[in-house]
Amino acid sequence: MRARQTAEIARKAWKPRVRIGEERALTQPAAARIVRVLAGHRRASLLMVVGHEPGVSTLLAHLVGAKSASAFGFKKGGAALVETSDPRLAGSGELLWFLPPKLLSARGGRR
């Protein structure tokens, strides 16, 4: 429910460009299941994943080739941006940014 609420906030920020879907594989912390889902969206130029720990950190570690997900301790409201050509390949992603919730909320309050 909370992940869906976060996705709704993103939809409001990006208006009609965001389409929300639910995927049960994202409720599991295993990166392999999540990566298969991401691979099914290869035609999308931008894909946002909203989830909870430990799944989000595990996915991020897989994408950037980190040995441990503990390097990416997401706090509630944190976010990261990864660019990858093929999410199925471990280490194929480049971490563009990793922001804590305090920085995001401070940035979001500016007009």
Foldseek 3Di string as FASTA:
>chain_A
DVLVVVLVVVCVVVPPVDDDDDDPLLADQDLQSVLVVVQVPLVDPDDDDGHDPPNVLSLVCQQQVNPDSVVQDADVQKDWDWDANGSNHGNRIDTPDTGHRVVVVVVVVDD
